[in-house]
Amino acid sequence: MSYAHPEVLVDTEWLSQNPPNENRKLVEVDYDPVNGYQKGHINGSSLIWWKRDINDPITRDIISKKEFEALMSKNGITADTEVILYGDFNNWFAAFVFWVFKIYGHENLKIMNGGRKNGN
């Protein structure tokens, strides 16, 4: 299979050779963190809870830029940080968050191919 942007996809081997650090953050995006992140996650990853952190509870749209910036700060992510996203449901929610990052101007993004099931 050929991808339009294969440079965005990384695998667990790449991750083992490029572990999270001050300039590279690994983020698990979960719809249900009680049955996901809290039961086990890749060492060094932080959590973005899709329902609570990314969706505005009133408008049912993505959070505002100000709220997004606060979430990034909470997760130690700056404009220059390389962010690797992965998650449950075959990365559906990670892909959604990928586009939220893009909407707010964050360019240095990757998705771990296979998501949560390949990372744990």
PDB file of N, CA and C in Angstrom:
ATOM      1  N   MET A   1       0.841  -1.173   0.000  1.00  0.00           N
ATOM      2  CA  MET A   1       0.000   0.000   0.000  1.00  0.00           C
ATOM      3  C   MET A   1       0.889   1.240   0.000  1.00  0.00           C
ATOM      4  N   SER A   2       0.478   2.217  -0.733  1.00  0.00           N
ATOM      5  CA  SER A   2       1.215   3.472  -0.835  1.00  0.00           C
ATOM      6  C   SER A   2       0.436   4.572  -0.103  1.00  0.00           C
ATOM      7  N   TYR A   3       1.156   5.404   0.631  1.00  0.00           N
ATOM      8  CA  TYR A   3       0.536   6.497   1.381  1.00  0.00           C
ATOM      9  C   TYR A   3       0.901   7.834   0.749  1.00  0.00           C
ATOM     10  N   ALA A   4       0.001   8.781   0.824  1.00  0.00           N
ATOM     11  CA  ALA A   4       0.266  10.113   0.279  1.00  0.00           C
ATOM     12  C   ALA A   4       1.416  10.790   1.015  1.00  0.00           C
ATOM     13  N   HIS A   5       1.533  10.555   2.325  1.00  0.00           N
ATOM     14  CA  HIS A   5       2.591  11.165   3.137  1.00  0.00           C
ATOM     15  C   HIS A   5       3.212  10.122   4.060  1.00  0.00           C
ATOM     16  N   PRO A   6       4.007   9.212   3.505  1.00  0.00           N
ATOM     17  CA  PRO A   6       4.592   8.149   4.330  1.00  0.00           C
ATOM     18  C   PRO A   6       5.534   8.661   5.412  1.00  0.00           C
ATOM     19  N   GLU A   7       6.042   9.860   5.261  1.00  0.00           N
ATOM     20  CA  GLU A   7       6.958  10.425   6.263  1.00  0.00           C
ATOM     21  C   GLU A   7       6.266  10.694   7.598  1.00  0.00           C
ATOM     22  N   VAL A   8       4.956  10.712   7.597  1.00  0.00           N
ATOM     23  CA  VAL A   8       4.189  10.963   8.818  1.00  0.00           C
ATOM     24  C   VAL A   8       4.089   9.703   9.680  1.00  0.00           C
ATOM     25  N   LEU A   9       4.121   8.532   9.057  1.00  0.00           N
ATOM     26  CA  LEU A   9       3.948   7.276   9.791  1.00  0.00           C
ATOM     27  C   LEU A   9       5.271   6.759  10.338  1.00  0.00           C
ATOM     28  N   VAL A  10       5.251   6.379  11.600  1.00  0.00           N
ATOM     29  CA  VAL A  10       6.405   5.736  12.222  1.00  0.00           C
ATOM     30  C   VAL A  10       5.925   4.420  12.830  1.00  0.00           C
ATOM     31  N   ASP A  11       6.874   3.535  13.119  1.00  0.00           N
ATOM     32  CA  ASP A  11       6.506   2.270  13.748  1.00  0.00           C
ATOM     33  C   ASP A  11       7.239   2.131  15.075  1.00  0.00           C
ATOM     34  N   THR A  12       7.002   1.022  15.747  1.00  0.00           N
ATOM     35  CA  THR A  12       7.606   0.831  17.069  1.00  0.00           C
ATOM     36  C   THR A  12       9.125   0.733  16.987  1.00  0.00           C
ATOM     37  N   GLU A  13       9.654   0.209  15.887  1.00  0.00           N
ATOM     38  CA  GLU A  13      11.114   0.161  15.728  1.00  0.00           C
ATOM     39  C   GLU A  13      11.682   1.579  15.658  1.00  0.00           C
ATOM     40  N   TRP A  14      11.037   2.446  14.867  1.00  0.00           N
ATOM     41  CA  TRP A  14      11.474   3.843  14.784  1.00  0.00           C
ATOM     42  C   TRP A  14      11.416   4.482  16.167  1.00  0.00           C
ATOM     43  N   LEU A  15      10.337   4.202  16.885  1.00  0.00           N
ATOM     44  CA  LEU A  15      10.161   4.786  18.212  1.00  0.00           C
ATOM     45  C   LEU A  15      11.247   4.312  19.175  1.00  0.00           C
ATOM     46  N   SER A  16      11.645   3.053  19.081  1.00  0.00           N
ATOM     47  CA  SER A  16      12.705   2.556  19.969  1.00  0.00           C
ATOM     48  C   SER A  16      14.043   3.220  19.664  1.00  0.00           C
ATOM     49  N   GLN A  17      14.245   3.641  18.422  1.00  0.00           N
ATOM     50  CA  GLN A  17      15.478   4.327  18.029  1.00  0.00           C
ATOM     51  C   GLN A  17      15.388   5.840  18.229  1.00  0.00           C
ATOM     52  N   ASN A  18      14.178   6.338  18.422  1.00  0.00           N
ATOM     53  CA  ASN A  18      13.924   7.770  18.598  1.00  0.00           C
ATOM     54  C   ASN A  18      12.984   7.975  19.780  1.00  0.00           C
ATOM     55  N   PRO A  19      13.436   7.650  20.993  1.00  0.00           N
ATOM     56  CA  PRO A  19      12.538   7.702  22.154  1.00  0.00           C
ATOM     57  C   PRO A  19      12.121   9.129  22.511  1.00  0.00           C
ATOM     58  N   PRO A  20      11.017   9.248  23.243  1.00  0.00           N
ATOM     59  CA  PRO A  20      10.585  10.574  23.699  1.00  0.00           C
ATOM     60  C   PRO A  20      11.689  11.251  24.510  1.00  0.00           C
ATOM     61  N   ASN A  21      11.777  12.552  24.349  1.00  0.00           N
ATOM     62  CA  ASN A  21      12.729  13.363  25.110  1.00  0.00           C
ATOM     63  C   ASN A  21      12.150  14.771  25.227  1.00  0.00           C
ATOM     64  N   GLU A  22      12.980  15.709  25.604  1.00  0.00           N
ATOM     65  CA  GLU A  22      12.503  17.085  25.790  1.00  0.00           C
ATOM     66  C   GLU A  22      11.917  17.677  24.509  1.00  0.00           C
ATOM     67  N   ASN A  23      12.451  17.278  23.345  1.00  0.00           N
ATOM     68  CA  ASN A  23      12.008  17.839  22.066  1.00  0.00           C
ATOM     69  C   ASN A  23      11.122  16.895  21.255  1.00  0.00           C
ATOM     70  N   ARG A  24      10.842  15.718  21.792  1.00  0.00           N
ATOM     71  CA  ARG A  24      10.004  14.729  21.109  1.00  0.00           C
ATOM     72  C   ARG A  24       9.049  14.138  22.132  1.00  0.00           C
ATOM     73  N   LYS A  25       7.769  14.368  21.937  1.00  0.00           N
ATOM     74  CA  LYS A  25       6.755  13.903  22.888  1.00  0.00           C
ATOM     75  C   LYS A  25       5.879  12.835  22.238  1.00  0.00           C
ATOM     76  N   LEU A  26       5.623  11.801  23.009  1.00  0.00           N
ATOM     77  CA  LEU A  26       4.729  10.732  22.598  1.00  0.00           C
ATOM     78  C   LEU A  26       3.403  10.947  23.322  1.00  0.00           C
ATOM     79  N   VAL A  27       2.317  10.963  22.558  1.00  0.00           N
ATOM     80  CA  VAL A  27       1.005  11.272  23.133  1.00  0.00           C
ATOM     81  C   VAL A  27       0.004  10.195  22.734  1.00  0.00           C
ATOM     82  N   GLU A  28      -0.605   9.571  23.739  1.00  0.00           N
ATOM     83  CA  GLU A  28      -1.691   8.632  23.480  1.00  0.00           C
ATOM     84  C   GLU A  28      -2.998   9.409  23.503  1.00  0.00           C
ATOM     85  N   VAL A  29      -3.788   9.236  22.454  1.00  0.00           N
ATOM     86  CA  VAL A  29      -5.098   9.875  22.355  1.00  0.00           C
ATOM     87  C   VAL A  29      -6.146   8.787  22.562  1.00  0.00           C
ATOM     88  N   ASP A  30      -6.924   8.924  23.621  1.00  0.00           N
ATOM     89  CA  ASP A  30      -7.919   7.902  23.954  1.00  0.00           C
ATOM     90  C   ASP A  30      -9.317   8.487  23.998  1.00  0.00           C
ATOM     91  N   TYR A  31     -10.270   7.686  23.541  1.00  0.00           N
ATOM     92  CA  TYR A  31     -11.676   7.995  23.750  1.00  0.00           C
ATOM     93  C   TYR A  31     -12.086   7.553  25.150  1.00  0.00           C
ATOM     94  N   ASP A  32     -11.514   6.440  25.601  1.00  0.00           N
ATOM     95  CA  ASP A  32     -11.855   5.855  26.897  1.00  0.00           C
ATOM     96  C   ASP A  32     -10.566   5.548  27.667  1.00  0.00           C
ATOM     97  N   PRO A  33      -9.968   6.554  28.309  1.00  0.00           N
ATOM     98  CA  PRO A  33      -8.689   6.327  28.981  1.00  0.00           C
ATOM     99  C   PRO A  33      -8.753   5.372  30.166  1.00  0.00           C
ATOM    100  N   VAL A  34      -9.923   5.178  30.746  1.00  0.00           N
ATOM    101  CA  VAL A  34     -10.044   4.232  31.861  1.00  0.00           C
ATOM    102  C   VAL A  34      -9.705   2.818  31.379  1.00  0.00           C
ATOM    103  N   ASN A  35     -10.154   2.473  30.178  1.00  0.00           N
ATOM    104  CA  ASN A  35      -9.863   1.158  29.612  1.00  0.00           C
ATOM    105  C   ASN A  35      -8.671   1.179  28.664  1.00  0.00           C
ATOM    106  N   GLY A  36      -8.030   2.309  28.541  1.00  0.00           N
ATOM    107  CA  GLY A  36      -6.867   2.437  27.675  1.00  0.00           C
ATOM    108  C   GLY A  36      -5.648   2.866  28.454  1.00  0.00           C
ATOM    109  N   TYR A  37      -5.374   4.144  28.427  1.00  0.00           N
ATOM    110  CA  TYR A  37      -4.158   4.715  29.009  1.00  0.00           C
ATOM    111  C   TYR A  37      -3.942   4.301  30.459  1.00  0.00           C
ATOM    112  N   GLN A  38      -4.983   4.331  31.256  1.00  0.00           N
ATOM    113  CA  GLN A  38      -4.832   4.038  32.683  1.00  0.00           C
ATOM    114  C   GLN A  38      -4.525   2.567  32.955  1.00  0.00           C
ATOM    115  N   LYS A  39      -4.849   1.687  32.022  1.00  0.00           N
ATOM    116  CA  LYS A  39      -4.532   0.263  32.192  1.00  0.00           C
ATOM    117  C   LYS A  39      -3.129  -0.067  31.696  1.00  0.00           C
ATOM    118  N   GLY A  40      -2.536   0.836  30.951  1.00  0.00           N
ATOM    119  CA  GLY A  40      -1.190   0.619  30.429  1.00  0.00           C
ATOM    120  C   GLY A  40      -0.963   1.448  29.188  1.00  0.00           C
ATOM    121  N   HIS A  41       0.211   1.997  29.071  1.00  0.00           N
ATOM    122  CA  HIS A  41       0.554   2.840  27.935  1.00  0.00           C
ATOM    123  C   HIS A  41       2.055   2.747  27.692  1.00  0.00           C
ATOM    124  N   ILE A  42       2.494   3.269  26.575  1.00  0.00           N
ATOM    125  CA  ILE A  42       3.916   3.262  26.256  1.00  0.00           C
ATOM    126  C   ILE A  42       4.630   4.174  27.235  1.00  0.00           C
ATOM    127  N   ASN A  43       5.713   3.674  27.793  1.00  0.00           N
ATOM    128  CA  ASN A  43       6.503   4.444  28.751  1.00  0.00           C
ATOM    129  C   ASN A  43       6.896   5.798  28.157  1.00  0.00           C
ATOM    130  N   GLY A  44       6.660   6.837  28.908  1.00  0.00           N
ATOM    131  CA  GLY A  44       7.021   8.183  28.474  1.00  0.00           C
ATOM    132  C   GLY A  44       5.924   8.928  27.742  1.00  0.00           C
ATOM    133  N   SER A  45       4.788   8.276  27.513  1.00  0.00           N
ATOM    134  CA  SER A  45       3.712   8.963  26.794  1.00  0.00           C
ATOM    135  C   SER A  45       2.828   9.742  27.759  1.00  0.00           C
ATOM    136  N   SER A  46       2.245  10.809  27.234  1.00  0.00           N
ATOM    137  CA  SER A  46       1.245  11.559  27.992  1.00  0.00           C
ATOM    138  C   SER A  46      -0.117  11.256  27.372  1.00  0.00           C
ATOM    139  N   LEU A  47      -1.161  11.749  27.989  1.00  0.00           N
ATOM    140  CA  LEU A  47      -2.525  11.442  27.560  1.00  0.00           C
ATOM    141  C   LEU A  47      -3.246  12.684  27.082  1.00  0.00           C
ATOM    142  N   ILE A  48      -3.909  12.546  25.937  1.00  0.00           N
ATOM    143  CA  ILE A  48      -4.942  13.490  25.529  1.00  0.00           C
ATOM    144  C   ILE A  48      -6.234  12.683  25.482  1.00  0.00           C
ATOM    145  N   TRP A  49      -7.176  13.096  26.309  1.00  0.00           N
ATOM    146  CA  TRP A  49      -8.482  12.442  26.376  1.00  0.00           C
ATOM    147  C   TRP A  49      -9.366  13.143  25.350  1.00  0.00           C
ATOM    148  N   TRP A  50      -9.671  12.440  24.284  1.00  0.00           N
ATOM    149  CA  TRP A  50     -10.373  13.029  23.152  1.00  0.00           C
ATOM    150  C   TRP A  50     -11.650  13.738  23.579  1.00  0.00           C
ATOM    151  N   LYS A  51     -12.475  13.064  24.350  1.00  0.00           N
ATOM    152  CA  LYS A  51     -13.781  13.621  24.726  1.00  0.00           C
ATOM    153  C   LYS A  51     -13.647  14.842  25.633  1.00  0.00           C
ATOM    154  N   ARG A  52     -12.709  14.812  26.572  1.00  0.00           N
ATOM    155  CA  ARG A  52     -12.565  15.897  27.542  1.00  0.00           C
ATOM    156  C   ARG A  52     -11.639  17.005  27.046  1.00  0.00           C
ATOM    157  N   ASP A  53     -10.524  16.643  26.422  1.00  0.00           N
ATOM    158  CA  ASP A  53      -9.471  17.616  26.124  1.00  0.00           C
ATOM    159  C   ASP A  53      -9.588  18.293  24.765  1.00  0.00           C
ATOM    160  N   ILE A  54     -10.176  17.639  23.787  1.00  0.00           N
ATOM    161  CA  ILE A  54     -10.175  18.160  22.416  1.00  0.00           C
ATOM    162  C   ILE A  54     -11.526  18.710  21.981  1.00  0.00           C
ATOM    163  N   ASN A  55     -12.610  18.194  22.523  1.00  0.00           N
ATOM    164  CA  ASN A  55     -13.948  18.625  22.126  1.00  0.00           C
ATOM    165  C   ASN A  55     -14.527  19.625  23.104  1.00  0.00           C
ATOM    166  N   ASP A  56     -15.023  20.721  22.567  1.00  0.00           N
ATOM    167  CA  ASP A  56     -15.725  21.695  23.388  1.00  0.00           C
ATOM    168  C   ASP A  56     -17.056  21.077  23.803  1.00  0.00           C
ATOM    169  N   PRO A  57     -17.345  20.989  25.107  1.00  0.00           N
ATOM    170  CA  PRO A  57     -18.553  20.297  25.554  1.00  0.00           C
ATOM    171  C   PRO A  57     -19.856  21.004  25.187  1.00  0.00           C
ATOM    172  N   ILE A  58     -19.786  22.276  24.878  1.00  0.00           N
ATOM    173  CA  ILE A  58     -21.008  23.020  24.554  1.00  0.00           C
ATOM    174  C   ILE A  58     -21.234  23.067  23.049  1.00  0.00           C
ATOM    175  N   THR A  59     -20.216  23.466  22.290  1.00  0.00           N
ATOM    176  CA  THR A  59     -20.386  23.603  20.845  1.00  0.00           C
ATOM    177  C   THR A  59     -20.208  22.290  20.097  1.00  0.00           C
ATOM    178  N   ARG A  60     -19.632  21.275  20.766  1.00  0.00           N
ATOM    179  CA  ARG A  60     -19.336  19.975  20.147  1.00  0.00           C
ATOM    180  C   ARG A  60     -18.391  20.139  18.961  1.00  0.00           C
ATOM    181  N   ASP A  61     -17.559  21.136  19.033  1.00  0.00           N
ATOM    182  CA  ASP A  61     -16.548  21.414  18.019  1.00  0.00           C
ATOM    183  C   ASP A  61     -15.194  21.251  18.690  1.00  0.00           C
ATOM    184  N   ILE A  62     -14.128  21.478  17.951  1.00  0.00           N
ATOM    185  CA  ILE A  62     -12.811  21.405  18.575  1.00  0.00           C
ATOM    186  C   ILE A  62     -12.632  22.572  19.538  1.00  0.00           C
ATOM    187  N   ILE A  63     -11.725  22.400  20.469  1.00  0.00           N
ATOM    188  CA  ILE A  63     -11.455  23.450  21.448  1.00  0.00           C
ATOM    189  C   ILE A  63     -10.873  24.680  20.761  1.00  0.00           C
ATOM    190  N   SER A  64     -10.924  25.802  21.451  1.00  0.00           N
ATOM    191  CA  SER A  64     -10.393  27.051  20.914  1.00  0.00           C
ATOM    192  C   SER A  64      -8.869  27.004  20.873  1.00  0.00           C
ATOM    193  N   LYS A  65      -8.284  27.919  20.138  1.00  0.00           N
ATOM    194  CA  LYS A  65      -6.821  27.999  20.062  1.00  0.00           C
ATOM    195  C   LYS A  65      -6.225  28.224  21.454  1.00  0.00           C
ATOM    196  N   LYS A  66      -6.851  29.069  22.253  1.00  0.00           N
ATOM    197  CA  LYS A  66      -6.363  29.331  23.609  1.00  0.00           C
ATOM    198  C   LYS A  66      -6.386  28.050  24.452  1.00  0.00           C
ATOM    199  N   GLU A  67      -7.466  27.291  24.361  1.00  0.00           N
ATOM    200  CA  GLU A  67      -7.562  26.024  25.098  1.00  0.00           C
ATOM    201  C   GLU A  67      -6.545  25.006  24.581  1.00  0.00           C
ATOM    202  N   PHE A  68      -6.338  25.001  23.266  1.00  0.00           N
ATOM    203  CA  PHE A  68      -5.346  24.108  22.665  1.00  0.00           C
ATOM    204  C   PHE A  68      -3.948  24.442  23.181  1.00  0.00           C
ATOM    205  N   GLU A  69      -3.613  25.725  23.212  1.00  0.00           N
ATOM    206  CA  GLU A  69      -2.297  26.142  23.710  1.00  0.00           C
ATOM    207  C   GLU A  69      -2.110  25.748  25.175  1.00  0.00           C
ATOM    208  N   ALA A  70      -3.157  25.852  25.983  1.00  0.00           N
ATOM    209  CA  ALA A  70      -3.071  25.439  27.391  1.00  0.00           C
ATOM    210  C   ALA A  70      -2.861  23.928  27.496  1.00  0.00           C
ATOM    211  N   LEU A  71      -3.537  23.163  26.653  1.00  0.00           N
ATOM    212  CA  LEU A  71      -3.371  21.710  26.640  1.00  0.00           C
ATOM    213  C   LEU A  71      -1.952  21.331  26.232  1.00  0.00           C
ATOM    214  N   MET A  72      -1.407  22.029  25.248  1.00  0.00           N
ATOM    215  CA  MET A  72      -0.037  21.744  24.816  1.00  0.00           C
ATOM    216  C   MET A  72       0.950  22.064  25.935  1.00  0.00           C
ATOM    217  N   SER A  73       0.743  23.174  26.598  1.00  0.00           N
ATOM    218  CA  SER A  73       1.616  23.553  27.714  1.00  0.00           C
ATOM    219  C   SER A  73       1.565  22.499  28.816  1.00  0.00           C
ATOM    220  N   LYS A  74       0.372  22.028  29.139  1.00  0.00           N
ATOM    221  CA  LYS A  74       0.190  20.995  30.166  1.00  0.00           C
ATOM    222  C   LYS A  74       0.952  19.720  29.810  1.00  0.00           C
ATOM    223  N   ASN A  75       1.065  19.425  28.516  1.00  0.00           N
ATOM    224  CA  ASN A  75       1.749  18.223  28.050  1.00  0.00           C
ATOM    225  C   ASN A  75       3.211  18.472  27.687  1.00  0.00           C
ATOM    226  N   GLY A  76       3.728  19.673  27.975  1.00  0.00           N
ATOM    227  CA  GLY A  76       5.129  19.968  27.702  1.00  0.00           C
ATOM    228  C   GLY A  76       5.454  20.101  26.232  1.00  0.00           C
ATOM    229  N   ILE A  77       4.466  20.486  25.436  1.00  0.00           N
ATOM    230  CA  ILE A  77       4.633  20.597  23.992  1.00  0.00           C
ATOM    231  C   ILE A  77       4.713  22.062  23.602  1.00  0.00           C
ATOM    232  N   THR A  78       5.758  22.405  22.856  1.00  0.00           N
ATOM    233  CA  THR A  78       5.913  23.753  22.316  1.00  0.00           C
ATOM    234  C   THR A  78       5.732  23.690  20.800  1.00  0.00           C
ATOM    235  N   ALA A  79       5.799  24.838  20.156  1.00  0.00           N
ATOM    236  CA  ALA A  79       5.662  24.896  18.699  1.00  0.00           C
ATOM    237  C   ALA A  79       6.760  24.105  17.994  1.00  0.00           C
ATOM    238  N   ASP A  80       7.908  23.933  18.638  1.00  0.00           N
ATOM    239  CA  ASP A  80       9.035  23.231  18.026  1.00  0.00           C
ATOM    240  C   ASP A  80       9.095  21.745  18.367  1.00  0.00           C
ATOM    241  N   THR A  81       8.241  21.276  19.236  1.00  0.00           N
ATOM    242  CA  THR A  81       8.274  19.881  19.672  1.00  0.00           C
ATOM    243  C   THR A  81       7.796  18.946  18.565  1.00  0.00           C
ATOM    244  N   GLU A  82       8.536  17.861  18.375  1.00  0.00           N
ATOM    245  CA  GLU A  82       8.060  16.789  17.499  1.00  0.00           C
ATOM    246  C   GLU A  82       7.067  15.960  18.310  1.00  0.00           C
ATOM    247  N   VAL A  83       5.884  15.744  17.760  1.00  0.00           N
ATOM    248  CA  VAL A  83       4.827  15.031  18.475  1.00  0.00           C
ATOM    249  C   VAL A  83       4.478  13.758  17.713  1.00  0.00           C
ATOM    250  N   ILE A  84       4.528  12.632  18.419  1.00  0.00           N
ATOM    251  CA  ILE A  84       4.124  11.351  17.857  1.00  0.00           C
ATOM    252  C   ILE A  84       2.818  10.961  18.536  1.00  0.00           C
ATOM    253  N   LEU A  85       1.770  10.828  17.746  1.00  0.00           N
ATOM    254  CA  LEU A  85       0.439  10.502  18.254  1.00  0.00           C
ATOM    255  C   LEU A  85       0.116   9.036  17.990  1.00  0.00           C
ATOM    256  N   TYR A  86      -0.560   8.424  18.930  1.00  0.00           N
ATOM    257  CA  TYR A  86      -1.093   7.078  18.731  1.00  0.00           C
ATOM    258  C   TYR A  86      -2.326   6.945  19.605  1.00  0.00           C
ATOM    259  N   GLY A  87      -3.134   5.929  19.346  1.00  0.00           N
ATOM    260  CA  GLY A  87      -4.317   5.790  20.178  1.00  0.00           C
ATOM    261  C   GLY A  87      -5.100   4.532  19.929  1.00  0.00           C
ATOM    262  N   ASP A  88      -6.284   4.527  20.530  1.00  0.00           N
ATOM    263  CA  ASP A  88      -7.171   3.384  20.405  1.00  0.00           C
ATOM    264  C   ASP A  88      -7.993   3.497  19.122  1.00  0.00           C
ATOM    265  N   PHE A  89      -8.828   2.507  18.898  1.00  0.00           N
ATOM    266  CA  PHE A  89      -9.704   2.478  17.721  1.00  0.00           C
ATOM    267  C   PHE A  89      -8.922   2.694  16.423  1.00  0.00           C
ATOM    268  N   ASN A  90      -7.804   1.961  16.298  1.00  0.00           N
ATOM    269  CA  ASN A  90      -6.970   2.007  15.083  1.00  0.00           C
ATOM    270  C   ASN A  90      -6.522   3.417  14.716  1.00  0.00           C
ATOM    271  N   ASN A  91      -6.228   4.200  15.719  1.00  0.00           N
ATOM    272  CA  ASN A  91      -5.718   5.566  15.547  1.00  0.00           C
ATOM    273  C   ASN A  91      -6.764   6.558  15.053  1.00  0.00           C
ATOM    274  N   TRP A  92      -8.037   6.200  15.092  1.00  0.00           N
ATOM    275  CA  TRP A  92      -9.063   7.134  14.633  1.00  0.00           C
ATOM    276  C   TRP A  92      -8.961   8.453  15.389  1.00  0.00           C
ATOM    277  N   PHE A  93      -8.906   8.385  16.708  1.00  0.00           N
ATOM    278  CA  PHE A  93      -8.877   9.603  17.522  1.00  0.00           C
ATOM    279  C   PHE A  93      -7.526  10.302  17.431  1.00  0.00           C
ATOM    280  N   ALA A  94      -6.454   9.539  17.262  1.00  0.00           N
ATOM    281  CA  ALA A  94      -5.132  10.139  17.063  1.00  0.00           C
ATOM    282  C   ALA A  94      -5.109  10.925  15.753  1.00  0.00           C
ATOM    283  N   ALA A  95      -5.730  10.376  14.705  1.00  0.00           N
ATOM    284  CA  ALA A  95      -5.788  11.083  13.423  1.00  0.00           C
ATOM    285  C   ALA A  95      -6.610  12.367  13.545  1.00  0.00           C
ATOM    286  N   PHE A  96      -7.694  12.310  14.292  1.00  0.00           N
ATOM    287  CA  PHE A  96      -8.504  13.503  14.533  1.00  0.00           C
ATOM    288  C   PHE A  96      -7.659  14.581  15.214  1.00  0.00           C
ATOM    289  N   VAL A  97      -6.928  14.192  16.246  1.00  0.00           N
ATOM    290  CA  VAL A  97      -6.085  15.143  16.979  1.00  0.00           C
ATOM    291  C   VAL A  97      -4.943  15.647  16.095  1.00  0.00           C
ATOM    292  N   PHE A  98      -4.430  14.797  15.209  1.00  0.00           N
ATOM    293  CA  PHE A  98      -3.420  15.218  14.233  1.00  0.00           C
ATOM    294  C   PHE A  98      -3.912  16.450  13.482  1.00  0.00           C
ATOM    295  N   TRP A  99      -5.161  16.413  13.011  1.00  0.00           N
ATOM    296  CA  TRP A  99      -5.706  17.538  12.250  1.00  0.00           C
ATOM    297  C   TRP A  99      -5.965  18.755  13.136  1.00  0.00           C
ATOM    298  N   VAL A 100      -6.292  18.547  14.397  1.00  0.00           N
ATOM    299  CA  VAL A 100      -6.437  19.691  15.306  1.00  0.00           C
ATOM    300  C   VAL A 100      -5.084  20.389  15.463  1.00  0.00           C
ATOM    301  N   PHE A 101      -4.026  19.606  15.632  1.00  0.00           N
ATOM    302  CA  PHE A 101      -2.680  20.188  15.689  1.00  0.00           C
ATOM    303  C   PHE A 101      -2.402  20.987  14.417  1.00  0.00           C
ATOM    304  N   LYS A 102      -2.719  20.411  13.259  1.00  0.00           N
ATOM    305  CA  LYS A 102      -2.484  21.087  11.974  1.00  0.00           C
ATOM    306  C   LYS A 102      -3.290  22.387  11.880  1.00  0.00           C
ATOM    307  N   ILE A 103      -4.554  22.331  12.289  1.00  0.00           N
ATOM    308  CA  ILE A 103      -5.404  23.523  12.234  1.00  0.00           C
ATOM    309  C   ILE A 103      -4.773  24.668  13.017  1.00  0.00           C
ATOM    310  N   TYR A 104      -4.163  24.344  14.159  1.00  0.00           N
ATOM    311  CA  TYR A 104      -3.568  25.375  15.002  1.00  0.00           C
ATOM    312  C   TYR A 104      -2.084  25.595  14.720  1.00  0.00           C
ATOM    313  N   GLY A 105      -1.608  25.101  13.566  1.00  0.00           N
ATOM    314  CA  GLY A 105      -0.286  25.468  13.075  1.00  0.00           C
ATOM    315  C   GLY A 105       0.885  24.609  13.510  1.00  0.00           C
ATOM    316  N   HIS A 106       0.629  23.497  14.186  1.00  0.00           N
ATOM    317  CA  HIS A 106       1.747  22.628  14.594  1.00  0.00           C
ATOM    318  C   HIS A 106       2.083  21.704  13.427  1.00  0.00           C
ATOM    319  N   GLU A 107       3.329  21.764  12.963  1.00  0.00           N
ATOM    320  CA  GLU A 107       3.716  21.026  11.761  1.00  0.00           C
ATOM    321  C   GLU A 107       4.501  19.753  12.022  1.00  0.00           C
ATOM    322  N   ASN A 108       5.218  19.669  13.122  1.00  0.00           N
ATOM    323  CA  ASN A 108       6.139  18.558  13.360  1.00  0.00           C
ATOM    324  C   ASN A 108       5.397  17.397  14.031  1.00  0.00           C
ATOM    325  N   LEU A 109       4.655  16.640  13.207  1.00  0.00           N
ATOM    326  CA  LEU A 109       3.755  15.599  13.707  1.00  0.00           C
ATOM    327  C   LEU A 109       4.006  14.260  13.032  1.00  0.00           C
ATOM    328  N   LYS A 110       3.802  13.215  13.794  1.00  0.00           N
ATOM    329  CA  LYS A 110       3.862  11.860  13.266  1.00  0.00           C
ATOM    330  C   LYS A 110       2.748  11.045  13.922  1.00  0.00           C
ATOM    331  N   ILE A 111       2.389   9.952  13.263  1.00  0.00           N
ATOM    332  CA  ILE A 111       1.426   9.003  13.813  1.00  0.00           C
ATOM    333  C   ILE A 111       2.094   7.637  13.854  1.00  0.00           C
ATOM    334  N   MET A 112       1.970   6.965  14.993  1.00  0.00           N
ATOM    335  CA  MET A 112       2.530   5.629  15.114  1.00  0.00           C
ATOM    336  C   MET A 112       1.601   4.637  14.425  1.00  0.00           C
ATOM    337  N   ASN A 113       2.094   4.044  13.365  1.00  0.00           N
ATOM    338  CA  ASN A 113       1.313   3.111  12.570  1.00  0.00           C
ATOM    339  C   ASN A 113       0.825   1.945  13.435  1.00  0.00           C
ATOM    340  N   GLY A 114      -0.448   1.646  13.354  1.00  0.00           N
ATOM    341  CA  GLY A 114      -1.023   0.554  14.123  1.00  0.00           C
ATOM    342  C   GLY A 114      -1.633   0.977  15.438  1.00  0.00           C
ATOM    343  N   GLY A 115      -1.268   2.154  15.919  1.00  0.00           N
ATOM    344  CA  GLY A 115      -1.871   2.677  17.135  1.00  0.00           C
ATOM    345  C   GLY A 115      -1.541   1.907  18.391  1.00  0.00           C
ATOM    346  N   ARG A 116      -2.446   1.995  19.330  1.00  0.00           N
ATOM    347  CA  ARG A 116      -2.278   1.420  20.665  1.00  0.00           C
ATOM    348  C   ARG A 116      -1.978  -0.077  20.617  1.00  0.00           C
ATOM    349  N   LYS A 117      -2.643  -0.798  19.745  1.00  0.00           N
ATOM    350  CA  LYS A 117      -2.465  -2.256  19.714  1.00  0.00           C
ATOM    351  C   LYS A 117      -1.041  -2.654  19.324  1.00  0.00           C
ATOM    352  N   ASN A 118      -0.326  -1.808  18.598  1.00  0.00           N
ATOM    353  CA  ASN A 118       1.063  -2.103  18.232  1.00  0.00           C
ATOM    354  C   ASN A 118       2.058  -1.559  19.235  1.00  0.00           C
ATOM    355  N   GLY A 119       1.620  -0.661  20.092  1.00  0.00           N
ATOM    356  CA  GLY A 119       2.545  -0.006  21.013  1.00  0.00           C
ATOM    357  C   GLY A 119       2.654  -0.636  22.377  1.00  0.00           C
ATOM    358  N   ASN A 120       1.687  -1.400  22.768  1.00  0.00           N
ATOM    359  CA  ASN A 120       1.702  -1.977  24.120  1.00  0.00           C
ATOM    360  C   ASN A 120       2.078  -3.437  24.100  1.00  0.00           C
TER     361      ASN A 120
END
